[in-house]
PDB file of N, CA and C in Angstrom:
ATOM      1  N   MET A   1       0.836  -1.182  -0.062  1.00  0.00           N
ATOM      2  CA  MET A   1      -0.050   0.076  -0.090  1.00  0.00           C
ATOM      3  C   MET A   1       0.931   1.291   0.051  1.00  0.00           C
ATOM      4  N   THR A   2       1.674   1.395  -1.024  1.00  0.00           N
ATOM      5  CA  THR A   2       2.622   2.333  -0.969  1.00  0.00           C
ATOM      6  C   THR A   2       1.885   3.834  -1.397  1.00  0.00           C
ATOM      7  N   TRP A   3       0.742   3.735  -1.947  1.00  0.00           N
ATOM      8  CA  TRP A   3      -0.099   4.796  -2.451  1.00  0.00           C
ATOM      9  C   TRP A   3      -0.575   5.717  -1.212  1.00  0.00           C
ATOM     10  N   LEU A   4      -0.496   5.149   0.053  1.00  0.00           N
ATOM     11  CA  LEU A   4      -0.900   5.866   1.272  1.00  0.00           C
ATOM     12  C   LEU A   4       0.178   6.765   1.738  1.00  0.00           C
ATOM     13  N   CYS A   5       1.416   6.718   1.122  1.00  0.00           N
ATOM     14  CA  CYS A   5       2.518   7.583   1.498  1.00  0.00           C
ATOM     15  C   CYS A   5       2.564   8.683   0.426  1.00  0.00           C
ATOM     16  N   SER A   6       2.115   9.836   0.804  1.00  0.00           N
ATOM     17  CA  SER A   6       2.152  10.916  -0.311  1.00  0.00           C
ATOM     18  C   SER A   6       2.674  12.150   0.398  1.00  0.00           C
ATOM     19  N   ASN A   7       3.040  13.015  -0.508  1.00  0.00           N
ATOM     20  CA  ASN A   7       3.392  14.353  -0.037  1.00  0.00           C
ATOM     21  C   ASN A   7       2.649  15.473  -0.744  1.00  0.00           C
ATOM     22  N   PRO A   8       1.737  16.242  -0.163  1.00  0.00           N
ATOM     23  CA  PRO A   8       1.622  16.308   1.241  1.00  0.00           C
ATOM     24  C   PRO A   8       0.894  15.109   1.748  1.00  0.00           C
ATOM     25  N   PRO A   9       0.925  15.062   3.211  1.00  0.00           N
ATOM     26  CA  PRO A   9       0.256  13.689   3.672  1.00  0.00           C
ATOM     27  C   PRO A   9      -1.114  13.791   3.556  1.00  0.00           C
ATOM     28  N   LEU A  10      -1.796  12.639   3.384  1.00  0.00           N
ATOM     29  CA  LEU A  10      -3.318  12.429   3.281  1.00  0.00           C
ATOM     30  C   LEU A  10      -4.070  12.867   4.513  1.00  0.00           C
ATOM     31  N   ASN A  11      -5.140  13.375   4.348  1.00  0.00           N
ATOM     32  CA  ASN A  11      -5.969  13.705   5.431  1.00  0.00           C
ATOM     33  C   ASN A  11      -6.261  12.374   6.071  1.00  0.00           C
ATOM     34  N   PRO A  12      -6.137  12.395   7.452  1.00  0.00           N
ATOM     35  CA  PRO A  12      -6.497  11.035   8.132  1.00  0.00           C
ATOM     36  C   PRO A  12      -7.857  10.379   7.920  1.00  0.00           C
ATOM     37  N   LEU A  13      -8.835  11.350   7.905  1.00  0.00           N
ATOM     38  CA  LEU A  13     -10.182  10.939   7.614  1.00  0.00           C
ATOM     39  C   LEU A  13     -10.324  10.245   6.074  1.00  0.00           C
ATOM     40  N   TYR A  14      -9.550  10.745   5.329  1.00  0.00           N
ATOM     41  CA  TYR A  14      -9.475  10.283   3.875  1.00  0.00           C
ATOM     42  C   TYR A  14      -9.047   8.796   3.994  1.00  0.00           C
ATOM     43  N   ILE A  15      -7.931   8.600   4.805  1.00  0.00           N
ATOM     44  CA  ILE A  15      -7.256   7.214   4.835  1.00  0.00           C
ATOM     45  C   ILE A  15      -8.352   6.267   5.453  1.00  0.00           C
ATOM     46  N   LEU A  16      -9.013   6.778   6.538  1.00  0.00           N
ATOM     47  CA  LEU A  16     -10.065   5.908   7.110  1.00  0.00           C
ATOM     48  C   LEU A  16     -11.119   5.449   6.246  1.00  0.00           C
ATOM     49  N   LEU A  17     -11.515   6.513   5.412  1.00  0.00           N
ATOM     50  CA  LEU A  17     -12.597   6.114   4.434  1.00  0.00           C
ATOM     51  C   LEU A  17     -12.145   5.110   3.485  1.00  0.00           C
ATOM     52  N   LEU A  18     -10.910   5.213   2.968  1.00  0.00           N
ATOM     53  CA  LEU A  18     -10.297   4.391   2.012  1.00  0.00           C
ATOM     54  C   LEU A  18     -10.390   2.849   2.632  1.00  0.00           C
ATOM     55  N   LEU A  19     -10.138   2.879   3.826  1.00  0.00           N
ATOM     56  CA  LEU A  19      -9.980   1.454   4.587  1.00  0.00           C
ATOM     57  C   LEU A  19     -11.242   0.874   4.852  1.00  0.00           C
ATOM     58  N   ILE A  20     -12.316   1.583   5.195  1.00  0.00           N
ATOM     59  CA  ILE A  20     -13.553   0.999   5.579  1.00  0.00           C
ATOM     60  C   ILE A  20     -14.733   1.120   4.675  1.00  0.00           C
ATOM     61  N   THR A  21     -14.576   1.796   3.468  1.00  0.00           N
ATOM     62  CA  THR A  21     -15.745   1.839   2.528  1.00  0.00           C
ATOM     63  C   THR A  21     -15.664   0.698   1.768  1.00  0.00           C
ATOM     64  N   PRO A  22     -16.799  -0.164   1.672  1.00  0.00           N
ATOM     65  CA  PRO A  22     -16.852  -1.204   0.771  1.00  0.00           C
ATOM     66  C   PRO A  22     -16.757  -0.896  -0.681  1.00  0.00           C
ATOM     67  N   GLN A  23     -16.078  -1.772  -1.398  1.00  0.00           N
ATOM     68  CA  GLN A  23     -16.049  -1.652  -2.885  1.00  0.00           C
ATOM     69  C   GLN A  23     -17.525  -1.287  -3.573  1.00  0.00           C
ATOM     70  N   GLY A  24     -17.284  -0.448  -4.449  1.00  0.00           N
ATOM     71  CA  GLY A  24     -18.517  -0.058  -5.245  1.00  0.00           C
ATOM     72  C   GLY A  24     -19.519   1.020  -4.446  1.00  0.00           C
ATOM     73  N   HIS A  25     -19.131   1.455  -3.274  1.00  0.00           N
ATOM     74  CA  HIS A  25     -19.719   2.538  -2.600  1.00  0.00           C
ATOM     75  C   HIS A  25     -19.232   3.887  -2.923  1.00  0.00           C
ATOM     76  N   VAL A  26     -19.947   4.832  -2.689  1.00  0.00           N
ATOM     77  CA  VAL A  26     -19.503   6.299  -3.052  1.00  0.00           C
ATOM     78  C   VAL A  26     -19.531   7.018  -1.728  1.00  0.00           C
ATOM     79  N   VAL A  27     -18.418   7.740  -1.513  1.00  0.00           N
ATOM     80  CA  VAL A  27     -18.297   8.618  -0.343  1.00  0.00           C
ATOM     81  C   VAL A  27     -18.404  10.142  -0.754  1.00  0.00           C
ATOM     82  N   VAL A  28     -19.233  10.836  -0.102  1.00  0.00           N
ATOM     83  CA  VAL A  28     -19.414  12.236  -0.538  1.00  0.00           C
ATOM     84  C   VAL A  28     -19.435  13.144   0.784  1.00  0.00           C
ATOM     85  N   THR A  29     -18.698  14.158   0.496  1.00  0.00           N
ATOM     86  CA  THR A  29     -18.554  15.284   1.655  1.00  0.00           C
ATOM     87  C   THR A  29     -19.203  16.610   1.222  1.00  0.00           C
ATOM     88  N   SER A  30     -19.420  17.465   2.189  1.00  0.00           N
ATOM     89  CA  SER A  30     -19.911  18.808   1.820  1.00  0.00           C
ATOM     90  C   SER A  30     -18.770  19.633   1.979  1.00  0.00           C
ATOM     91  N   PRO A  31     -18.418  20.544   0.929  1.00  0.00           N
ATOM     92  CA  PRO A  31     -17.409  21.506   1.095  1.00  0.00           C
ATOM     93  C   PRO A  31     -17.680  22.517   2.288  1.00  0.00           C
ATOM     94  N   SER A  32     -18.900  22.825   2.676  1.00  0.00           N
ATOM     95  CA  SER A  32     -19.020  23.786   3.771  1.00  0.00           C
ATOM     96  C   SER A  32     -18.680  22.948   5.190  1.00  0.00           C
ATOM     97  N   PHE A  33     -18.687  21.727   5.210  1.00  0.00           N
ATOM     98  CA  PHE A  33     -18.298  21.016   6.400  1.00  0.00           C
ATOM     99  C   PHE A  33     -16.714  20.812   6.292  1.00  0.00           C
ATOM    100  N   ALA A  34     -16.223  20.459   5.142  1.00  0.00           N
ATOM    101  CA  ALA A  34     -14.644  20.130   4.948  1.00  0.00           C
ATOM    102  C   ALA A  34     -13.925  21.403   5.015  1.00  0.00           C
ATOM    103  N   HIS A  35     -14.447  22.677   4.744  1.00  0.00           N
ATOM    104  CA  HIS A  35     -13.662  23.855   4.847  1.00  0.00           C
ATOM    105  C   HIS A  35     -13.766  24.506   6.286  1.00  0.00           C
ATOM    106  N   ARG A  36     -14.460  23.793   7.136  1.00  0.00           N
ATOM    107  CA  ARG A  36     -14.475  24.314   8.529  1.00  0.00           C
ATOM    108  C   ARG A  36     -13.823  23.428   9.606  1.00  0.00           C
ATOM    109  N   LEU A  37     -12.999  22.583   9.158  1.00  0.00           N
ATOM    110  CA  LEU A  37     -12.264  21.716   9.947  1.00  0.00           C
ATOM    111  C   LEU A  37     -11.276  22.475  10.801  1.00  0.00           C
ATOM    112  N   GLU A  38     -11.306  22.539  12.019  1.00  0.00           N
ATOM    113  CA  GLU A  38     -10.325  23.270  12.930  1.00  0.00           C
ATOM    114  C   GLU A  38      -8.863  22.713  12.790  1.00  0.00           C
ATOM    115  N   TYR A  39      -8.632  21.407  12.579  1.00  0.00           N
ATOM    116  CA  TYR A  39      -7.294  20.880  12.480  1.00  0.00           C
ATOM    117  C   TYR A  39      -6.703  21.366  11.296  1.00  0.00           C
ATOM    118  N   ILE A  40      -7.351  21.830  10.315  1.00  0.00           N
ATOM    119  CA  ILE A  40      -6.736  22.199   8.997  1.00  0.00           C
ATOM    120  C   ILE A  40      -6.685  23.732   9.090  1.00  0.00           C
ATOM    121  N   TYR A  41      -7.894  24.405   9.161  1.00  0.00           N
ATOM    122  CA  TYR A  41      -7.922  25.871   9.130  1.00  0.00           C
ATOM    123  C   TYR A  41      -7.907  26.616  10.450  1.00  0.00           C
ATOM    124  N   LYS A  42      -7.094  27.479  10.737  1.00  0.00           N
ATOM    125  CA  LYS A  42      -7.115  28.282  11.888  1.00  0.00           C
ATOM    126  C   LYS A  42      -8.199  29.170  11.824  1.00  0.00           C
ATOM    127  N   ASN A  43      -9.124  29.388  12.853  1.00  0.00           N
ATOM    128  CA  ASN A  43     -10.304  30.103  13.014  1.00  0.00           C
ATOM    129  C   ASN A  43     -11.236  29.747  11.744  1.00  0.00           C
ATOM    130  N   ALA A  44     -11.434  28.416  11.656  1.00  0.00           N
ATOM    131  CA  ALA A  44     -12.210  27.888  10.360  1.00  0.00           C
ATOM    132  C   ALA A  44     -13.528  28.551  10.141  1.00  0.00           C
ATOM    133  N   ASN A  45     -14.235  29.057  11.076  1.00  0.00           N
ATOM    134  CA  ASN A  45     -15.417  29.678  10.883  1.00  0.00           C
ATOM    135  C   ASN A  45     -15.422  31.108  10.613  1.00  0.00           C
ATOM    136  N   ASP A  46     -14.315  31.770  10.516  1.00  0.00           N
ATOM    137  CA  ASP A  46     -14.189  33.115  10.189  1.00  0.00           C
ATOM    138  C   ASP A  46     -13.761  33.208   8.682  1.00  0.00           C
ATOM    139  N   PHE A  47     -14.324  34.376   8.079  1.00  0.00           N
ATOM    140  CA  PHE A  47     -14.052  34.567   6.564  1.00  0.00           C
ATOM    141  C   PHE A  47     -12.723  35.119   6.660  1.00  0.00           C
ATOM    142  N   ASP A  48     -11.925  34.486   5.930  1.00  0.00           N
ATOM    143  CA  ASP A  48     -10.302  34.875   5.879  1.00  0.00           C
ATOM    144  C   ASP A  48      -9.704  34.353   4.514  1.00  0.00           C
ATOM    145  N   PRO A  49      -9.957  35.094   3.480  1.00  0.00           N
ATOM    146  CA  PRO A  49      -9.301  34.670   2.102  1.00  0.00           C
ATOM    147  C   PRO A  49      -7.883  34.585   2.205  1.00  0.00           C
ATOM    148  N   GLY A  50      -7.238  35.281   3.137  1.00  0.00           N
ATOM    149  CA  GLY A  50      -5.745  35.324   3.229  1.00  0.00           C
ATOM    150  C   GLY A  50      -5.167  33.933   3.676  1.00  0.00           C
ATOM    151  N   ARG A  51      -5.928  33.033   4.067  1.00  0.00           N
ATOM    152  CA  ARG A  51      -5.572  31.613   4.508  1.00  0.00           C
ATOM    153  C   ARG A  51      -4.998  30.915   3.406  1.00  0.00           C
ATOM    154  N   TYR A  52      -5.383  31.273   2.165  1.00  0.00           N
ATOM    155  CA  TYR A  52      -4.954  30.607   0.910  1.00  0.00           C
ATOM    156  C   TYR A  52      -3.760  31.192   0.261  1.00  0.00           C
ATOM    157  N   GLY A  53      -3.247  32.368   0.765  1.00  0.00           N
ATOM    158  CA  GLY A  53      -2.168  33.046   0.087  1.00  0.00           C
ATOM    159  C   GLY A  53      -0.821  32.657   0.491  1.00  0.00           C
ATOM    160  N   PRO A  54       0.163  33.134  -0.156  1.00  0.00           N
ATOM    161  CA  PRO A  54       1.493  32.766   0.106  1.00  0.00           C
ATOM    162  C   PRO A  54       1.876  33.016   1.506  1.00  0.00           C
ATOM    163  N   GLY A  55       2.712  32.074   1.988  1.00  0.00           N
ATOM    164  CA  GLY A  55       3.067  32.096   3.464  1.00  0.00           C
ATOM    165  C   GLY A  55       2.278  31.256   4.412  1.00  0.00           C
ATOM    166  N   ARG A  56       0.976  31.305   4.221  1.00  0.00           N
ATOM    167  CA  ARG A  56       0.057  30.590   5.059  1.00  0.00           C
ATOM    168  C   ARG A  56      -0.396  29.301   4.471  1.00  0.00           C
ATOM    169  N   GLU A  57      -1.111  29.458   3.279  1.00  0.00           N
ATOM    170  CA  GLU A  57      -1.467  28.162   2.542  1.00  0.00           C
ATOM    171  C   GLU A  57      -2.056  27.112   3.425  1.00  0.00           C
ATOM    172  N   GLU A  58      -3.061  27.432   4.205  1.00  0.00           N
ATOM    173  CA  GLU A  58      -3.582  26.334   5.141  1.00  0.00           C
ATOM    174  C   GLU A  58      -4.326  25.289   4.358  1.00  0.00           C
ATOM    175  N   ASP A  59      -4.779  25.499   3.247  1.00  0.00           N
ATOM    176  CA  ASP A  59      -5.258  24.385   2.391  1.00  0.00           C
ATOM    177  C   ASP A  59      -4.365  23.373   1.864  1.00  0.00           C
ATOM    178  N   LYS A  60      -3.037  23.636   1.880  1.00  0.00           N
ATOM    179  CA  LYS A  60      -2.065  22.718   1.538  1.00  0.00           C
ATOM    180  C   LYS A  60      -1.583  21.746   2.632  1.00  0.00           C
ATOM    181  N   LYS A  61      -1.974  21.872   3.754  1.00  0.00           N
ATOM    182  CA  LYS A  61      -1.586  21.028   4.936  1.00  0.00           C
ATOM    183  C   LYS A  61      -1.832  19.537   4.582  1.00  0.00           C
ATOM    184  N   VAL A  62      -2.879  19.135   4.109  1.00  0.00           N
ATOM    185  CA  VAL A  62      -3.329  17.835   3.730  1.00  0.00           C
ATOM    186  C   VAL A  62      -3.901  17.714   2.444  1.00  0.00           C
ATOM    187  N   GLN A  63      -3.764  16.680   1.636  1.00  0.00           N
ATOM    188  CA  GLN A  63      -4.404  16.496   0.413  1.00  0.00           C
ATOM    189  C   GLN A  63      -5.814  16.602   0.465  1.00  0.00           C
ATOM    190  N   PHE A  64      -6.447  17.369  -0.590  1.00  0.00           N
ATOM    191  CA  PHE A  64      -7.931  17.524  -0.578  1.00  0.00           C
ATOM    192  C   PHE A  64      -8.490  18.348   0.603  1.00  0.00           C
ATOM    193  N   ALA A  65      -7.615  19.068   1.064  1.00  0.00           N
ATOM    194  CA  ALA A  65      -8.288  20.001   2.251  1.00  0.00           C
ATOM    195  C   ALA A  65      -9.260  21.075   1.651  1.00  0.00           C
ATOM    196  N   TYR A  66      -8.879  21.536   0.484  1.00  0.00           N
ATOM    197  CA  TYR A  66      -9.716  22.507  -0.154  1.00  0.00           C
ATOM    198  C   TYR A  66     -10.425  21.790  -1.381  1.00  0.00           C
ATOM    199  N   ILE A  67     -11.706  21.649  -1.381  1.00  0.00           N
ATOM    200  CA  ILE A  67     -12.405  20.799  -2.379  1.00  0.00           C
ATOM    201  C   ILE A  67     -13.430  21.750  -3.111  1.00  0.00           C
ATOM    202  N   GLY A  68     -13.163  22.917  -3.325  1.00  0.00           N
ATOM    203  CA  GLY A  68     -14.201  23.892  -3.986  1.00  0.00           C
ATOM    204  C   GLY A  68     -14.492  23.443  -5.408  1.00  0.00           C
ATOM    205  N   PHE A  69     -13.488  22.842  -6.020  1.00  0.00           N
ATOM    206  CA  PHE A  69     -13.908  22.181  -7.400  1.00  0.00           C
ATOM    207  C   PHE A  69     -13.654  20.822  -7.395  1.00  0.00           C
ATOM    208  N   GLY A  70     -13.938  20.049  -6.342  1.00  0.00           N
ATOM    209  CA  GLY A  70     -13.784  18.681  -6.302  1.00  0.00           C
ATOM    210  C   GLY A  70     -12.281  18.187  -6.151  1.00  0.00           C
ATOM    211  N   GLY A  71     -12.149  17.033  -6.159  1.00  0.00           N
ATOM    212  CA  GLY A  71     -10.867  16.411  -6.034  1.00  0.00           C
ATOM    213  C   GLY A  71     -10.647  14.945  -6.451  1.00  0.00           C
ATOM    214  N   GLY A  72      -9.482  14.445  -6.675  1.00  0.00           N
ATOM    215  CA  GLY A  72      -9.422  13.135  -7.118  1.00  0.00           C
ATOM    216  C   GLY A  72      -9.603  13.003  -8.641  1.00  0.00           C
ATOM    217  N   ARG A  73     -10.063  11.857  -9.003  1.00  0.00           N
ATOM    218  CA  ARG A  73     -10.114  11.512 -10.406  1.00  0.00           C
ATOM    219  C   ARG A  73     -11.191  12.323 -11.093  1.00  0.00           C
ATOM    220  N   HIS A  74     -12.266  12.621 -10.404  1.00  0.00           N
ATOM    221  CA  HIS A  74     -13.472  13.388 -11.034  1.00  0.00           C
ATOM    222  C   HIS A  74     -13.597  14.820 -10.465  1.00  0.00           C
ATOM    223  N   SER A  75     -12.891  15.770 -10.988  1.00  0.00           N
ATOM    224  CA  SER A  75     -12.993  17.096 -10.410  1.00  0.00           C
ATOM    225  C   SER A  75     -14.110  17.869 -11.357  1.00  0.00           C
ATOM    226  N   CYS A  76     -14.503  18.978 -10.891  1.00  0.00           N
ATOM    227  CA  CYS A  76     -15.561  19.842 -11.487  1.00  0.00           C
ATOM    228  C   CYS A  76     -15.229  20.068 -12.944  1.00  0.00           C
ATOM    229  N   MET A  77     -16.276  19.807 -13.782  1.00  0.00           N
ATOM    230  CA  MET A  77     -16.097  19.985 -15.134  1.00  0.00           C
ATOM    231  C   MET A  77     -15.927  21.583 -15.504  1.00  0.00           C
ATOM    232  N   GLY A  78     -16.587  22.256 -14.568  1.00  0.00           N
ATOM    233  CA  GLY A  78     -16.692  23.761 -14.991  1.00  0.00           C
ATOM    234  C   GLY A  78     -15.379  24.546 -14.347  1.00  0.00           C
ATOM    235  N   TYR A  79     -14.422  23.933 -13.769  1.00  0.00           N
ATOM    236  CA  TYR A  79     -13.237  24.620 -13.254  1.00  0.00           C
ATOM    237  C   TYR A  79     -12.652  25.524 -14.189  1.00  0.00           C
ATOM    238  N   ASN A  80     -12.438  25.111 -15.400  1.00  0.00           N
ATOM    239  CA  ASN A  80     -11.694  25.979 -16.457  1.00  0.00           C
ATOM    240  C   ASN A  80     -12.567  27.136 -16.881  1.00  0.00           C
ATOM    241  N   PHE A  81     -13.776  26.810 -17.005  1.00  0.00           N
ATOM    242  CA  PHE A  81     -14.717  27.949 -17.390  1.00  0.00           C
ATOM    243  C   PHE A  81     -14.862  28.895 -16.149  1.00  0.00           C
ATOM    244  N   ALA A  82     -14.912  28.453 -15.070  1.00  0.00           N
ATOM    245  CA  ALA A  82     -14.949  29.302 -13.798  1.00  0.00           C
ATOM    246  C   ALA A  82     -13.741  30.223 -13.787  1.00  0.00           C
ATOM    247  N   TYR A  83     -12.529  29.572 -13.887  1.00  0.00           N
ATOM    248  CA  TYR A  83     -11.269  30.350 -13.943  1.00  0.00           C
ATOM    249  C   TYR A  83     -11.271  31.424 -14.964  1.00  0.00           C
ATOM    250  N   LEU A  84     -11.632  31.169 -16.176  1.00  0.00           N
ATOM    251  CA  LEU A  84     -11.788  32.039 -17.333  1.00  0.00           C
ATOM    252  C   LEU A  84     -12.597  33.253 -16.899  1.00  0.00           C
ATOM    253  N   GLN A  85     -13.762  32.984 -16.269  1.00  0.00           N
ATOM    254  CA  GLN A  85     -14.744  33.956 -15.942  1.00  0.00           C
ATOM    255  C   GLN A  85     -13.936  34.908 -14.864  1.00  0.00           C
ATOM    256  N   VAL A  86     -13.342  34.463 -13.866  1.00  0.00           N
ATOM    257  CA  VAL A  86     -12.645  35.194 -12.803  1.00  0.00           C
ATOM    258  C   VAL A  86     -11.560  36.093 -13.543  1.00  0.00           C
ATOM    259  N   CYS A  87     -10.874  35.603 -14.533  1.00  0.00           N
ATOM    260  CA  CYS A  87      -9.851  36.398 -15.260  1.00  0.00           C
ATOM    261  C   CYS A  87     -10.537  37.367 -16.045  1.00  0.00           C
ATOM    262  N   VAL A  88     -11.462  37.071 -16.760  1.00  0.00           N
ATOM    263  CA  VAL A  88     -12.150  38.034 -17.600  1.00  0.00           C
ATOM    264  C   VAL A  88     -12.800  39.180 -16.745  1.00  0.00           C
ATOM    265  N   ASN A  89     -13.694  38.831 -15.815  1.00  0.00           N
ATOM    266  CA  ASN A  89     -14.314  39.733 -15.038  1.00  0.00           C
ATOM    267  C   ASN A  89     -13.371  40.516 -14.260  1.00  0.00           C
ATOM    268  N   GLY A  90     -12.182  39.915 -13.709  1.00  0.00           N
ATOM    269  CA  GLY A  90     -11.276  40.466 -12.864  1.00  0.00           C
ATOM    270  C   GLY A  90     -10.423  41.673 -13.693  1.00  0.00           C
ATOM    271  N   GLY A  91     -10.194  41.287 -14.985  1.00  0.00           N
ATOM    272  CA  GLY A  91      -9.641  42.323 -15.792  1.00  0.00           C
ATOM    273  C   GLY A  91     -10.413  43.448 -16.122  1.00  0.00           C
ATOM    274  N   CYS A  92     -11.746  43.233 -16.255  1.00  0.00           N
ATOM    275  CA  CYS A  92     -12.700  44.253 -16.585  1.00  0.00           C
ATOM    276  C   CYS A  92     -12.811  45.305 -15.370  1.00  0.00           C
ATOM    277  N   VAL A  93     -12.708  44.765 -14.243  1.00  0.00           N
ATOM    278  CA  VAL A  93     -12.730  45.496 -12.897  1.00  0.00           C
ATOM    279  C   VAL A  93     -11.728  46.685 -13.026  1.00  0.00           C
ATOM    280  N   GLY A  94     -10.500  46.231 -13.449  1.00  0.00           N
ATOM    281  CA  GLY A  94      -9.480  47.293 -13.429  1.00  0.00           C
ATOM    282  C   GLY A  94      -9.689  48.445 -14.582  1.00  0.00           C
ATOM    283  N   CYS A  95     -10.616  47.989 -15.583  1.00  0.00           N
ATOM    284  CA  CYS A  95     -10.799  49.081 -16.645  1.00  0.00           C
ATOM    285  C   CYS A  95     -11.887  49.944 -16.423  1.00  0.00           C
ATOM    286  N   VAL A  96     -12.686  49.685 -15.346  1.00  0.00           N
ATOM    287  CA  VAL A  96     -13.807  50.642 -15.151  1.00  0.00           C
ATOM    288  C   VAL A  96     -13.523  52.075 -14.906  1.00  0.00           C
ATOM    289  N   GLY A  97     -14.060  52.882 -15.475  1.00  0.00           N
ATOM    290  CA  GLY A  97     -13.711  54.479 -15.213  1.00  0.00           C
ATOM    291  C   GLY A  97     -12.538  54.981 -15.993  1.00  0.00           C
ATOM    292  N   VAL A  98     -11.917  54.273 -16.903  1.00  0.00           N
ATOM    293  CA  VAL A  98     -10.766  54.600 -17.527  1.00  0.00           C
ATOM    294  C   VAL A  98     -11.066  55.368 -18.784  1.00  0.00           C
TER     295      VAL A  98
END
């Protein structure tokens, strides 16, 4: 089981689910629950976008800590479209009033 050794380390709950979930079953989690885990995020219930920035990067402590667009083999199909929308709209914000 060398796949359990990874960098960054796997979330302990993720390892437990791998070991106890019967074959063919599906495990689903809620992002609003997963993004409020105190052992991953400091002051998890507070709005703090800086937690993802350089130097802190709290979402990088364990694999799949941030699951805004899913994770693993089947991530969100709309990720690239959402990223494009942020870039386009973010670029337009700087042009307003020019």
